[in-house]
Amino acid sequence: MDWKYKMSKIKNAGMVVTFLIPINLFALGFSLTEENDFFVSKDNNYTQGLELSLDDYKRDTNGVIISRYFYGIRSRIYTPKNIEIAENQPKDRPWACTTAIFYDTIAREGIELVKYGIELGVLGPAAGGKIEQTEIHRLIGATIPQGWSNQVPNELSLDLYMTRYLPFGKINHDLWSAQLDMPYGGTIGTTYDNLQMGLSTKIGYNIPPNCLNECISPKVAKAVPFIYLLADSNGKYVFNNATLGHSFFRNRNNKWNRTLIHGVTEWDYGVCAGWKNFAITYLLCQRSEEFVGQPEEMKWGMIKLEFMQVF
């Protein structure tokens, strides 16, 4: 029986802490991720995410991992800028939470790396956002949210999504390298409908192959130090977003509805350093306004510690 170690991440007060958990469940790994934007002293818009998953993989006849599979449950929480106001805030983002079971796959098709999946769940009070955010905020000593009575009502959440990574170019000079990829794809479903395309670049010393989208194995091949800069830009055309009141199940003229800004951009940039299978990443993220009258664009930060191993 194959042993696999899968990192478990808990993000408390904006910091992701990763530790190793041995699992002997027919080559399954286990992952727990908790995200909170408290790291940048903000609690607005996309404020929190929780994910629990099992990770499996498939090898070819030479023992090389050729695809990975993730089964689990995830939630996403969205709030207005000021979570201390109990009344409805028609000029800000409505309160919303989605919770869904999901299945994701990562595989290689020709020169492209492909990630796709499906999630099925609920948007609204049944998703448990009020309990989840309140209890986590109690745990980390953050402000207790007051406005969940104004959240988007219950409805089905069913979404399919795919992202493909097209390599644009790579430069190698001894152990120094740089690579540019073009991720593109989209989501279609009852909650989110969008198309997106962007650029992803990394430049640095001895960048691990899995970080360059050259392989899908979580194992870092070279037991030497590495450091690299990373920057991602992404443009998205949004057709529909039910967390902003654009529901297929009710009249669009409702108190949760916001006038969408269809063109949305996002930038992520930072630095990653490590040795063997250990890495630490500092990442800054920024997203433009998603609806007319949004008080400000979204900004958040992340510190991530990682350790991965497959035997």
Protein backbone atom coordinates (compact mmCIF):
# COMPACT_ATOMS: atom_id res chain seq x y z
CA MET A 1 0.00 0.00 0.00
CA ASP A 2 1.27 3.40 -0.96
CA TRP A 3 2.01 6.02 1.71
CA LYS A 4 1.30 9.62 0.86
CA TYR A 5 1.87 12.74 2.87
CA LYS A 6 -0.35 15.70 2.07
CA MET A 7 0.06 19.11 3.63
CA SER A 8 -2.71 20.54 5.75
CA LYS A 9 -3.10 24.33 5.78
CA ILE A 10 -4.77 26.40 8.44
CA LYS A 11 -4.86 30.12 7.78
CA ASN A 12 -5.42 31.96 11.06
CA ALA A 13 -5.32 35.75 11.14
CA GLY A 14 -4.24 35.80 7.52
CA MET A 15 -1.26 33.45 7.87
CA VAL A 16 -1.33 30.01 6.25
CA VAL A 17 0.45 27.41 8.41
CA THR A 18 1.15 24.08 6.78
CA PHE A 19 2.03 20.85 8.56
CA LEU A 20 2.56 17.25 7.50
CA ILE A 21 -0.08 14.58 8.07
CA PRO A 22 0.60 10.91 7.20
CA ILE A 23 -2.39 9.20 5.59
CA ASN A 24 -2.51 5.53 4.56
CA LEU A 25 -5.87 5.43 2.79
CA PHE A 26 -5.14 3.80 -0.56
CA ALA A 27 -2.73 6.61 -1.53
CA LEU A 28 -5.07 9.37 -0.39
CA GLY A 29 -3.83 12.65 1.02
CA PHE A 30 -5.68 15.01 3.34
CA SER A 31 -5.87 18.80 3.13
CA LEU A 32 -7.50 21.41 5.38
CA THR A 33 -7.37 25.10 4.39
CA GLU A 34 -8.76 28.10 6.28
CA GLU A 35 -8.38 31.60 4.79
CA ASN A 36 -9.06 34.91 6.48
CA ASP A 37 -8.23 38.44 5.30
CA PHE A 38 -7.44 39.63 8.84
CA PHE A 39 -3.75 39.68 7.79
CA VAL A 40 -4.23 43.05 6.08
CA SER A 41 -6.56 44.38 8.80
CA LYS A 42 -9.56 44.26 6.46
CA ASP A 43 -12.77 42.26 6.55
CA ASN A 44 -14.61 43.16 3.40
CA ASN A 45 -15.78 41.67 0.10
CA TYR A 46 -14.19 38.19 -0.13
CA THR A 47 -13.44 37.69 3.53
CA GLN A 48 -12.94 33.99 4.16
CA GLY A 49 -12.74 30.52 2.66
CA LEU A 50 -12.70 27.05 4.20
CA GLU A 51 -11.81 23.86 2.32
CA LEU A 52 -11.48 20.20 3.28
CA SER A 53 -10.36 17.68 0.65
CA LEU A 54 -8.90 14.26 -0.09
CA ASP A 55 -6.14 14.08 -2.71
CA ASP A 56 -5.52 11.05 -4.91
CA TYR A 57 -3.31 10.52 -7.96
CA LYS A 58 -2.71 8.25 -10.93
CA ARG A 59 0.69 7.01 -12.14
CA ASP A 60 1.78 5.72 -15.53
CA THR A 61 3.69 2.48 -16.06
CA ASN A 62 6.97 4.25 -15.19
CA GLY A 63 5.62 5.45 -11.84
CA VAL A 64 5.26 9.08 -12.95
CA ILE A 65 2.22 10.93 -11.62
CA ILE A 66 0.10 11.82 -14.67
CA SER A 67 -3.04 13.16 -12.96
CA ARG A 68 -4.29 14.20 -9.55
CA TYR A 69 -7.81 14.18 -8.12
CA PHE A 70 -9.33 16.20 -5.29
CA TYR A 71 -12.60 15.38 -3.52
CA GLY A 72 -13.94 17.61 -0.79
CA ILE A 73 -16.08 20.41 0.52
CA ARG A 74 -15.44 24.16 0.34
CA SER A 75 -17.12 27.38 1.39
CA ARG A 76 -16.66 31.03 0.42
CA ILE A 77 -17.86 34.01 2.43
CA TYR A 78 -18.53 37.53 1.09
CA THR A 79 -19.44 40.54 3.25
CA PRO A 80 -19.79 44.34 3.00
CA LYS A 81 -16.86 46.58 3.94
CA ASN A 82 -18.22 47.24 7.45
CA ILE A 83 -19.37 44.02 9.16
CA GLU A 84 -20.42 45.86 12.34
CA ILE A 85 -23.56 47.32 10.69
CA ALA A 86 -26.64 45.15 11.26
CA GLU A 87 -28.85 46.90 8.68
CA ASN A 88 -28.87 46.20 4.95
CA GLN A 89 -26.21 48.20 3.06
CA PRO A 90 -27.58 48.73 -0.48
CA LYS A 91 -24.44 50.57 -1.66
CA ASP A 92 -22.07 47.78 -0.64
CA ARG A 93 -21.68 44.07 -1.34
CA PRO A 94 -24.53 41.90 0.03
CA TRP A 95 -23.79 39.22 2.62
CA ALA A 96 -23.42 35.84 0.93
CA CYS A 97 -21.95 32.38 1.51
CA THR A 98 -21.64 29.31 -0.71
CA THR A 99 -20.86 25.81 0.53
CA ALA A 100 -20.43 22.93 -1.90
CA ILE A 101 -18.93 19.50 -2.39
CA PHE A 102 -16.41 19.43 -5.25
CA TYR A 103 -14.35 17.23 -7.53
CA ASP A 104 -11.21 18.68 -9.17
CA THR A 105 -8.73 17.13 -11.60
CA ILE A 106 -5.26 18.21 -12.75
CA ALA A 107 -3.83 16.55 -15.85
CA ARG A 108 -1.64 17.27 -18.86
CA GLU A 109 -3.02 17.51 -22.39
CA GLY A 110 -0.25 17.97 -24.94
CA ILE A 111 1.84 20.98 -23.92
CA GLU A 112 -0.87 22.37 -21.65
CA LEU A 113 -1.60 21.74 -17.99
CA VAL A 114 -5.37 21.52 -17.43
CA LYS A 115 -7.32 21.99 -14.20
CA TYR A 116 -11.07 21.40 -14.20
CA GLY A 117 -13.82 20.49 -11.79
CA ILE A 118 -17.41 20.66 -10.62
CA GLU A 119 -19.02 21.79 -7.37
CA LEU A 120 -22.56 21.26 -6.09
CA GLY A 121 -24.02 22.94 -3.03
CA VAL A 122 -26.05 25.86 -1.75
CA LEU A 123 -25.88 29.64 -1.70
CA GLY A 124 -27.58 31.34 1.26
CA PRO A 125 -28.23 30.78 4.99
CA ALA A 126 -28.11 26.97 4.58
CA ALA A 127 -24.43 27.34 3.59
CA GLY A 128 -23.61 28.16 7.23
CA GLY A 129 -21.67 31.37 6.63
CA LYS A 130 -23.02 33.09 9.74
CA ILE A 131 -21.90 30.31 12.09
CA GLU A 132 -18.58 29.77 10.29
CA GLN A 133 -17.49 33.42 10.27
CA THR A 134 -18.78 34.19 13.77
CA GLU A 135 -17.01 31.28 15.43
CA ILE A 136 -13.73 31.82 13.56
CA HIS A 137 -13.79 35.51 14.48
CA ARG A 138 -14.33 34.56 18.12
CA LEU A 139 -11.35 32.21 17.87
CA ILE A 140 -8.94 34.82 16.45
CA GLY A 141 -10.31 37.77 18.43
CA ALA A 142 -11.65 39.63 15.38
CA THR A 143 -14.81 41.74 15.07
CA ILE A 144 -18.01 39.72 15.39
CA PRO A 145 -20.15 40.13 12.22
CA GLN A 146 -23.57 41.74 12.75
CA GLY A 147 -25.34 41.77 9.37
CA TRP A 148 -25.98 38.14 8.41
CA SER A 149 -29.76 38.73 8.63
CA ASN A 150 -29.36 40.54 5.29
CA GLN A 151 -27.70 37.70 3.37
CA VAL A 152 -28.69 36.40 -0.07
CA PRO A 153 -31.51 33.78 0.24
CA ASN A 154 -31.10 30.03 -0.24
CA GLU A 155 -30.71 28.62 -3.75
CA LEU A 156 -28.96 25.78 -5.55
CA SER A 157 -25.28 26.28 -6.41
CA LEU A 158 -23.96 24.20 -9.31
CA ASP A 159 -20.84 25.28 -11.20
CA LEU A 160 -18.37 23.75 -13.67
CA TYR A 161 -14.97 25.36 -14.19
CA MET A 162 -11.75 24.89 -16.16
CA THR A 163 -8.37 26.58 -16.43
CA ARG A 164 -5.73 25.69 -19.03
CA TYR A 165 -2.08 26.82 -18.81
CA LEU A 166 -0.43 27.48 -22.18
CA PRO A 167 3.38 27.86 -21.97
CA PHE A 168 4.47 31.06 -23.73
CA GLY A 169 8.22 30.79 -23.29
CA LYS A 170 11.09 29.79 -21.02
CA ILE A 171 14.66 30.97 -20.52
CA ASN A 172 17.34 28.83 -18.84
CA HIS A 173 20.84 29.90 -17.82
CA ASP A 174 22.56 27.38 -15.55
CA LEU A 175 20.26 27.19 -12.51
CA TRP A 176 18.56 30.51 -13.26
CA SER A 177 15.34 30.43 -15.24
CA ALA A 178 12.26 32.40 -16.21
CA GLN A 179 8.94 31.20 -17.57
CA LEU A 180 5.79 32.86 -18.90
CA ASP A 181 2.44 31.02 -19.12
CA MET A 182 -1.01 32.08 -20.26
CA PRO A 183 -3.80 30.67 -18.06
CA TYR A 184 -7.26 30.85 -19.64
CA GLY A 185 -10.65 29.33 -18.97
CA GLY A 186 -13.90 30.08 -17.24
CA THR A 187 -16.85 29.02 -15.10
CA ILE A 188 -20.45 28.24 -16.01
CA GLY A 189 -23.25 27.54 -13.57
CA THR A 190 -25.96 28.92 -11.34
CA THR A 191 -23.62 30.99 -9.14
CA TYR A 192 -20.77 32.15 -11.38
CA ASP A 193 -20.55 32.65 -15.14
CA ASN A 194 -17.36 34.16 -16.52
CA LEU A 195 -14.48 33.90 -18.97
CA GLN A 196 -10.93 34.74 -17.96
CA MET A 197 -7.43 35.00 -19.39
CA GLY A 198 -4.14 36.20 -17.99
CA LEU A 199 -0.39 35.91 -17.75
CA SER A 200 1.67 34.09 -15.12
CA THR A 201 5.41 34.59 -14.79
CA LYS A 202 8.14 33.26 -12.52
CA ILE A 203 11.82 34.18 -12.49
CA GLY A 204 14.49 32.95 -10.10
CA TYR A 205 17.08 30.42 -9.00
CA ASN A 206 16.49 26.66 -9.35
CA ILE A 207 12.69 26.96 -9.63
CA PRO A 208 11.14 23.51 -8.91
CA PRO A 209 9.50 21.85 -11.95
CA ASN A 210 6.07 21.67 -10.31
CA CYS A 211 6.14 25.44 -9.75
CA LEU A 212 6.78 25.96 -13.48
CA ASN A 213 3.75 23.86 -14.53
CA GLU A 214 6.18 21.32 -15.98
CA CYS A 215 4.80 18.47 -13.88
CA ILE A 216 1.77 17.84 -11.66
CA SER A 217 3.54 15.89 -8.93
CA PRO A 218 3.67 17.69 -5.56
CA LYS A 219 7.18 16.35 -5.01
CA VAL A 220 10.07 18.77 -5.59
CA ALA A 221 12.73 16.95 -7.60
CA LYS A 222 15.94 18.79 -6.59
CA ALA A 223 17.28 18.82 -3.04
CA VAL A 224 18.86 22.26 -3.34
CA PRO A 225 17.79 25.77 -2.27
CA PHE A 226 15.50 27.77 -4.54
CA ILE A 227 14.08 31.29 -4.67
CA TYR A 228 11.92 33.01 -7.26
CA LEU A 229 9.67 35.99 -7.87
CA LEU A 230 6.15 35.36 -9.11
CA ALA A 231 3.54 37.63 -10.67
CA ASP A 232 0.12 36.83 -12.09
CA SER A 233 -2.33 39.11 -13.89
CA ASN A 234 -5.82 38.08 -14.86
CA GLY A 235 -8.68 39.68 -16.79
CA LYS A 236 -12.20 38.35 -16.31
CA TYR A 237 -15.46 39.05 -18.12
CA VAL A 238 -18.32 38.40 -15.70
CA PHE A 239 -21.71 37.44 -17.15
CA ASN A 240 -23.34 36.56 -13.84
CA ASN A 241 -22.53 36.46 -10.12
CA ALA A 242 -25.29 35.25 -7.80
CA THR A 243 -23.40 36.38 -4.69
CA LEU A 244 -24.13 39.91 -5.96
CA GLY A 245 -27.86 39.21 -6.28
CA HIS A 246 -27.96 38.10 -9.93
CA SER A 247 -29.96 34.95 -9.30
CA PHE A 248 -31.51 32.67 -11.92
CA PHE A 249 -34.13 31.63 -9.35
CA ARG A 250 -35.77 34.96 -8.45
CA ASN A 251 -36.64 38.37 -9.88
CA ARG A 252 -33.51 40.43 -10.58
CA ASN A 253 -35.17 43.49 -9.01
CA ASN A 254 -34.35 42.59 -5.42
CA LYS A 255 -32.55 44.23 -2.51
CA TRP A 256 -29.45 42.06 -3.01
CA ASN A 257 -28.96 42.93 -6.69
CA ARG A 258 -25.89 45.00 -7.62
CA THR A 259 -25.05 46.47 -11.02
CA LEU A 260 -22.16 44.33 -12.25
CA ILE A 261 -18.94 45.70 -13.65
CA HIS A 262 -18.40 43.04 -16.30
CA GLY A 263 -14.66 43.64 -16.76
CA VAL A 264 -12.67 42.70 -13.63
CA THR A 265 -8.88 42.52 -13.27
CA GLU A 266 -6.72 40.88 -10.60
CA TRP A 267 -2.99 41.01 -9.80
CA ASP A 268 -1.01 38.68 -7.53
CA TYR A 269 2.71 39.12 -6.89
CA GLY A 270 5.25 37.96 -4.34
CA VAL A 271 8.33 35.88 -3.60
CA CYS A 272 8.87 32.20 -2.78
CA ALA A 273 11.96 30.59 -1.22
CA GLY A 274 12.73 27.11 0.09
CA TRP A 275 14.78 23.93 0.11
CA LYS A 276 13.75 20.44 -1.02
CA ASN A 277 10.03 20.14 -0.23
CA PHE A 278 9.79 23.10 2.14
CA ALA A 279 8.80 26.56 0.86
CA ILE A 280 7.68 29.89 2.26
CA THR A 281 5.74 32.37 0.10
CA TYR A 282 4.77 35.99 0.69
CA LEU A 283 1.97 37.05 -1.65
CA LEU A 284 0.06 40.31 -2.20
CA CYS A 285 -3.26 40.28 -4.08
CA GLN A 286 -5.43 43.03 -5.56
CA ARG A 287 -8.77 42.92 -7.44
CA SER A 288 -10.62 45.78 -9.16
CA GLU A 289 -14.21 46.77 -8.33
CA GLU A 290 -16.82 44.14 -9.19
CA PHE A 291 -19.98 46.29 -9.04
CA VAL A 292 -20.97 49.92 -9.49
CA GLY A 293 -20.54 51.89 -6.27
CA GLN A 294 -18.23 49.39 -4.56
CA PRO A 295 -16.45 51.38 -1.78
CA GLU A 296 -12.95 50.23 -2.77
CA GLU A 297 -11.03 47.58 -4.67
CA MET A 298 -10.05 44.42 -2.82
CA LYS A 299 -6.56 44.02 -1.34
CA TRP A 300 -5.22 41.21 0.81
CA GLY A 301 -1.96 39.53 1.76
CA MET A 302 -0.80 36.01 2.52
CA ILE A 303 2.12 34.24 4.17
CA LYS A 304 2.22 30.57 3.24
CA LEU A 305 4.39 27.73 4.61
CA GLU A 306 4.43 24.49 2.62
CA PHE A 307 5.83 20.99 2.93
CA MET A 308 4.91 18.31 0.38
CA GLN A 309 6.06 14.74 -0.16
CA VAL A 310 4.92 11.71 -2.11
CA PHE A 311 6.47 8.29 -1.54
